[in-house]
Protein backbone atom coordinates (compact mmCIF):
# COMPACT_ATOMS: atom_id res chain seq x y z
CA MET A 1 0.04 -0.01 0.12
CA MET A 2 1.24 3.53 -0.81
CA HIS A 3 0.15 6.90 0.39
CA LEU A 4 1.01 9.98 -1.75
CA ASN A 5 1.03 13.27 0.10
CA LYS A 6 1.21 15.43 -2.81
CA PRO A 7 -1.11 15.79 -6.00
CA TRP A 8 0.09 13.78 -9.01
CA ARG A 9 -0.66 13.94 -12.70
CA LEU A 10 -0.73 10.87 -14.95
CA THR A 11 -0.76 11.81 -18.68
CA HIS A 12 -2.18 9.62 -21.44
CA GLU A 13 1.38 9.12 -22.79
CA LYS A 14 2.60 7.92 -19.49
CA ILE A 15 -0.21 5.35 -19.19
CA ALA A 16 0.45 4.24 -22.57
CA SER A 17 4.06 3.72 -21.62
CA MET A 18 3.15 1.32 -18.84
CA ASP A 19 0.62 -0.38 -20.81
CA HIS A 20 2.66 -3.70 -21.24
CA ASP A 21 4.19 -3.85 -17.87
CA PRO A 22 3.40 -7.22 -16.69
CA LEU A 23 4.31 -6.61 -13.15
CA LEU A 24 2.05 -3.51 -13.08
CA PHE A 25 -1.11 -4.92 -14.77
CA GLY A 26 -0.71 -8.80 -14.43
CA SER A 27 1.33 -11.38 -16.52
CA ASP A 28 -1.77 -12.11 -18.71
CA HIS A 29 -2.15 -8.55 -19.74
CA ARG A 30 -2.00 -7.90 -23.64
CA ALA A 31 -2.13 -4.35 -25.15
CA GLY A 32 -5.80 -3.55 -25.76
CA SER A 33 -7.44 -6.36 -23.96
CA SER A 34 -7.13 -5.67 -20.13
CA ILE A 35 -7.08 -2.01 -20.50
CA SER A 36 -7.66 0.15 -23.72
CA PHE A 37 -6.99 3.75 -24.02
CA GLN A 38 -8.73 5.93 -26.58
CA ASN A 39 -6.58 7.96 -29.04
CA SER A 40 -8.87 10.92 -28.41
CA LEU A 41 -8.06 10.95 -24.66
CA GLU A 42 -7.07 14.64 -24.38
CA GLN A 43 -7.19 15.22 -20.81
CA CYS A 44 -4.99 13.82 -18.12
CA ILE A 45 -6.04 11.52 -15.07
CA VAL A 46 -5.19 13.72 -11.91
CA LEU A 47 -4.55 11.28 -8.99
CA ARG A 48 -4.68 13.12 -5.67
CA HIS A 49 -3.64 11.74 -2.27
CA ASP A 50 -6.41 9.37 -0.70
CA ILE A 51 -7.65 8.30 -4.11
CA THR A 52 -7.44 4.62 -4.91
CA LEU A 53 -5.60 3.75 -8.13
CA PRO A 54 -7.76 1.10 -9.71
CA ASN A 55 -6.31 -2.41 -10.41
CA PHE A 56 -6.95 -2.48 -14.18
CA ALA A 57 -6.29 -6.22 -14.52
CA SER A 58 -9.16 -7.24 -12.28
CA PRO A 59 -12.85 -7.54 -12.99
CA ASP A 60 -15.29 -4.38 -12.19
CA ASP A 61 -15.91 -4.19 -8.41
CA GLU A 62 -18.93 -1.81 -8.62
CA ILE A 63 -17.02 0.90 -6.82
CA HIS A 64 -14.68 2.16 -9.55
CA GLY A 65 -16.88 1.16 -12.60
CA ALA A 66 -15.27 -0.39 -15.61
CA ARG A 67 -11.71 -1.07 -14.32
CA SER A 68 -10.66 -2.24 -17.83
CA PHE A 69 -11.50 0.95 -19.62
CA VAL A 70 -10.15 4.47 -18.94
CA ASN A 71 -11.79 7.40 -20.64
CA ARG A 72 -11.51 10.71 -18.78
CA ALA A 73 -12.11 8.75 -15.68
CA THR A 74 -12.80 10.16 -12.33
CA PHE A 75 -12.12 7.86 -9.39
CA PRO A 76 -13.68 8.01 -5.78
CA THR A 77 -11.60 8.52 -2.83
CA PRO A 78 -10.94 5.40 -0.63
CA ALA A 79 -8.06 5.64 1.67
CA SER A 80 -4.84 4.80 -0.49
CA PHE A 81 -3.42 3.58 -3.69
CA HIS A 82 -3.17 -0.20 -4.19
CA PHE A 83 -0.64 -2.16 -6.54
CA ARG A 84 -0.84 -5.77 -7.45
CA ASN A 85 2.88 -6.11 -7.33
CA GLY A 86 4.26 -3.78 -4.58
CA SER A 87 7.81 -2.42 -5.17
CA HIS A 88 8.23 -2.57 -8.78
CA ALA A 89 4.75 -1.22 -9.60
CA ARG A 90 5.65 1.67 -7.19
CA GLU A 91 9.04 2.41 -8.88
CA VAL A 92 7.17 2.48 -12.23
CA ILE A 93 4.42 4.77 -11.10
CA MET A 94 6.88 7.07 -9.23
CA SER A 95 9.02 7.23 -12.32
CA GLN A 96 6.19 8.13 -14.66
CA LEU A 97 4.65 10.74 -12.47
CA SER A 98 5.44 14.53 -11.96
CA THR A 99 4.22 16.78 -9.14
CA ASN A 100 1.48 19.27 -9.66
CA GLU A 101 1.76 21.61 -6.67
CA ASP A 102 -1.65 22.79 -5.67
CA THR A 103 -1.50 26.65 -5.73
CA ALA A 104 -4.74 27.27 -3.97
CA PRO A 105 -4.33 29.08 -0.72
CA SER A 106 -4.94 27.00 2.33
CA PRO A 107 -7.81 27.95 4.46
CA PRO A 108 -7.25 29.48 7.87
CA THR A 109 -6.57 26.87 10.57
CA VAL A 110 -9.35 26.69 13.45
CA ASP A 111 -6.71 28.04 15.94
CA ARG A 112 -6.02 31.18 13.98
CA ILE A 113 -9.96 31.75 13.44
CA ARG A 114 -10.30 31.46 17.05
CA ILE A 115 -7.47 33.69 18.24
CA GLY A 116 -8.79 36.26 15.67
CA SER A 117 -12.20 35.99 17.07
CA ILE A 118 -11.04 36.55 20.66
CA ILE A 119 -8.93 39.64 19.72
CA ALA A 120 -11.78 41.14 17.98
CA PHE A 121 -14.21 40.41 20.70
CA ALA A 122 -11.89 41.86 23.34
CA LEU A 123 -11.40 45.13 21.31
CA ILE A 124 -15.19 45.40 20.88
CA LEU A 125 -15.59 45.11 24.77
CA ALA A 126 -12.71 47.74 25.41
CA LEU A 127 -14.42 50.21 23.11
CA LEU A 128 -17.66 49.59 24.61
CA GLY A 129 -16.24 49.91 28.15
CA LEU A 130 -14.73 53.17 27.10
CA LEU A 131 -17.95 54.48 25.56
CA ALA A 132 -19.67 53.61 28.87
CA TRP A 133 -16.94 55.29 31.03
CA GLY A 134 -17.31 58.41 28.89
CA LEU A 135 -21.06 58.42 29.03
CA ARG A 136 -21.13 57.96 32.77
CA LYS A 137 -18.77 61.03 33.16
CA VAL A 138 -20.93 63.13 30.81
CA GLN A 139 -24.11 62.28 32.75
CA ALA A 140 -22.39 62.94 36.07
CA GLY A 141 -21.67 66.50 35.13
CA PRO A 142 -18.89 68.81 36.58
CA ARG A 143 -17.74 68.13 40.14
CA ASP A 144 -19.52 70.56 42.50
CA THR A 145 -19.40 68.89 46.05
CA GLY A 146 -16.94 67.35 48.39
CA VAL A 147 -13.27 68.36 48.80
CA ALA A 148 -11.91 70.18 45.78
CA PRO A 149 -9.43 68.18 43.82
CA ASP A 150 -5.85 69.26 44.52
CA PHE A 151 -3.70 70.50 42.01
CA THR A 152 -0.62 72.68 41.24
CA ILE A 153 -0.35 75.04 38.36
CA THR A 154 2.56 77.35 37.01
CA GLY A 155 1.19 80.50 35.46
CA PHE A 156 2.54 82.05 32.19
CA ASP A 157 4.31 84.56 34.37
CA GLY A 158 6.22 81.93 36.32
CA ARG A 159 4.34 81.94 39.36
CA THR A 160 3.33 78.80 40.94
CA VAL A 161 0.28 77.88 43.10
CA THR A 162 -1.00 74.82 44.90
CA LEU A 163 -4.77 74.71 45.92
CA SER A 164 -4.35 72.75 49.23
CA GLN A 165 -2.10 75.51 50.42
CA LEU A 166 -4.77 78.02 50.09
CA ARG A 167 -6.91 76.69 53.00
CA GLY A 168 -8.74 79.56 54.92
CA GLN A 169 -9.13 81.46 51.73
CA VAL A 170 -12.02 81.60 49.28
CA VAL A 171 -10.84 80.18 45.97
CA ILE A 172 -12.22 81.03 42.53
CA ILE A 173 -11.15 78.57 39.57
CA ASN A 174 -12.08 79.58 36.37
CA PHE A 175 -11.59 77.24 33.19
CA TRP A 176 -11.14 79.17 29.92
CA ALA A 177 -9.53 79.33 26.45
CA SER A 178 -8.43 81.99 24.08
CA TRP A 179 -10.63 80.46 21.27
CA CYS A 180 -13.71 80.45 23.56
CA LEU A 181 -16.09 83.44 22.69
CA PRO A 182 -18.06 83.11 25.91
CA CYS A 183 -15.03 83.18 27.77
CA ARG A 184 -14.25 86.74 26.38
CA GLU A 185 -17.83 87.94 27.57
CA GLU A 186 -16.79 87.44 31.16
CA ALA A 187 -12.98 88.07 31.14
CA ALA A 188 -13.32 91.70 32.00
CA TYR A 189 -15.80 91.12 34.77
CA LEU A 190 -13.51 88.32 36.36
CA GLU A 191 -10.54 90.83 36.43
CA GLU A 192 -12.69 93.65 37.80
CA THR A 193 -13.90 91.37 40.61
CA TRP A 194 -10.35 90.01 41.34
CA ARG A 195 -9.08 93.52 41.80
CA GLU A 196 -11.94 94.24 44.06
CA TYR A 197 -11.35 91.44 46.57
CA GLU A 198 -7.60 91.12 46.24
CA GLY A 199 -6.15 91.05 49.76
CA GLN A 200 -9.47 90.21 51.39
CA GLY A 201 -8.99 86.47 51.59
CA VAL A 202 -10.00 85.68 48.12
CA VAL A 203 -7.97 84.10 45.47
CA PHE A 204 -8.58 83.69 41.71
CA ILE A 205 -7.09 80.88 39.58
CA GLY A 206 -7.31 80.75 35.92
CA VAL A 207 -6.89 77.43 34.06
CA ASP A 208 -6.25 77.54 30.33
CA TRP A 209 -7.53 74.49 28.74
CA VAL A 210 -6.66 73.13 25.42
CA ASP A 211 -4.98 76.13 24.02
CA THR A 212 -1.83 77.46 22.50
CA GLU A 213 0.74 79.45 24.59
CA LYS A 214 0.88 82.23 21.91
CA GLU A 215 -2.79 82.76 21.93
CA ALA A 216 -3.24 82.31 25.59
CA ARG A 217 -0.71 84.88 26.35
CA ALA A 218 -2.36 87.26 23.77
CA TYR A 219 -5.69 86.90 25.37
CA ILE A 220 -4.23 87.60 29.02
CA ASP A 221 -2.59 90.77 27.55
CA GLU A 222 -5.77 91.86 25.70
CA PHE A 223 -7.87 91.87 28.83
CA ASP A 224 -5.00 92.93 31.18
CA ILE A 225 -5.53 89.90 33.54
CA THR A 226 -3.39 90.05 36.65
CA TYR A 227 -4.50 86.96 38.51
CA ILE A 228 -2.48 83.81 38.06
CA ASN A 229 -3.33 81.96 34.91
CA GLY A 230 -1.49 78.82 33.66
CA PRO A 231 -1.87 75.97 31.25
CA ASP A 232 -3.79 72.70 32.25
CA ILE A 233 -1.02 70.61 30.65
CA GLY A 234 -2.47 67.28 29.77
CA THR A 235 -6.01 68.47 30.96
CA ARG A 236 -5.26 66.82 34.21
CA VAL A 237 -7.11 69.60 36.16
CA ALA A 238 -10.00 69.69 33.71
CA GLN A 239 -10.46 65.85 34.22
CA ALA A 240 -10.11 66.15 37.99
CA TYR A 241 -12.99 68.60 37.98
CA ASN A 242 -14.84 66.59 35.20
CA ILE A 243 -15.62 69.90 33.19
CA GLN A 244 -17.92 69.76 30.25
CA GLY A 245 -16.48 72.78 28.27
CA VAL A 246 -15.39 76.36 28.81
CA PRO A 247 -16.19 78.70 30.59
CA GLU A 248 -16.76 77.04 33.85
CA THR A 249 -16.12 78.45 37.31
CA PHE A 250 -15.71 76.57 40.52
CA PHE A 251 -16.15 77.99 43.87
CA VAL A 252 -14.00 76.69 46.86
CA ALA A 253 -14.81 77.46 50.43
CA LYS A 254 -12.33 78.44 53.25
CA ASN A 255 -12.19 74.85 54.36
CA GLY A 256 -11.21 73.33 50.84
CA GLU A 257 -14.80 72.15 49.89
CA LEU A 258 -16.74 72.71 46.77
CA ARG A 259 -19.49 75.11 46.92
CA GLY A 260 -20.91 74.69 43.38
CA VAL A 261 -20.08 75.35 39.67
CA HIS A 262 -21.13 78.06 37.42
CA ILE A 263 -21.44 76.81 33.68
CA GLY A 264 -21.12 79.58 31.19
CA PRO A 265 -20.06 83.17 31.27
CA LEU A 266 -20.49 85.09 34.63
CA GLN A 267 -22.23 88.29 34.72
CA PHE A 268 -22.60 90.87 37.32
CA PRO A 269 -23.56 90.44 40.18
CA GLN A 270 -23.15 86.61 40.15
CA LEU A 271 -19.67 86.31 41.21
CA HIS A 272 -19.83 89.04 43.70
CA GLU A 273 -22.76 87.22 45.50
CA LYS A 274 -20.99 83.92 45.58
CA ILE A 275 -17.80 85.38 46.97
CA GLU A 276 -19.88 87.22 49.75
CA GLU A 277 -21.58 84.04 50.55
CA LEU A 278 -18.33 82.17 50.96
CA LEU A 279 -16.76 84.73 53.01
CA ALA A 280 -19.61 84.71 55.39
CA GLU A 281 -19.33 81.04 56.27
CA VAL A 282 -18.09 80.59 59.93
CA TYR A 283 -16.17 77.61 60.96
CA PRO A 284 -15.75 76.23 64.47
């Protein structure tokens, strides 16, 4: 018994050259009696692995059809090739055959398909988780209660301030950007209020959000802003306060707790009223 691991091609001429081999087809074989070939045979017989080569010298077996006649035959696929006379027949066939490599792309293996599916599923879950997290933050809105998240910011003028070091004072934290039109509406009012309360236990901190330094400095110069303003590098401060946009202004009491947030541009006398309220708080 012989197994072929590659596809093979047996041509009409090669079959004809083996027609008189007694070891292949039997000692009683005569040309044209046990097996005949038509001159009109134009196509070759393609024998692939796991296809049984008929024993042309034996009678029909109702599986292969007429064993004694080959004419564009197509054979079913039992387990292996069978030869009447093992070694010599095997040598004859092997010497007459040429390989016919199958160029069709092999289908992906089950393992590769499974790994690809797992990776795709994991990416989808990660994306859904990120969307859910973002949606939850948006629905939660800006942080307006509890202890104000601590941060340190360095102003464009080089001054540095840390929120936790301002306990005992009222702190106004204003998020803005030079490209923000509503921010321009409140800029003058913020500066005027700061100058009014400067030295009275009130501190203003401007946090420049998603901006360029050149444009931010031009904005500060345009409105002659004198309280500390610095860039929110990496938007860390904005994320801590969960801002939804600009402008937004957070109010921090003297004990370091948040006392609300104002979304949108401030107008007189909103800021004055809030500062007076916070200054009036009494702590034991």
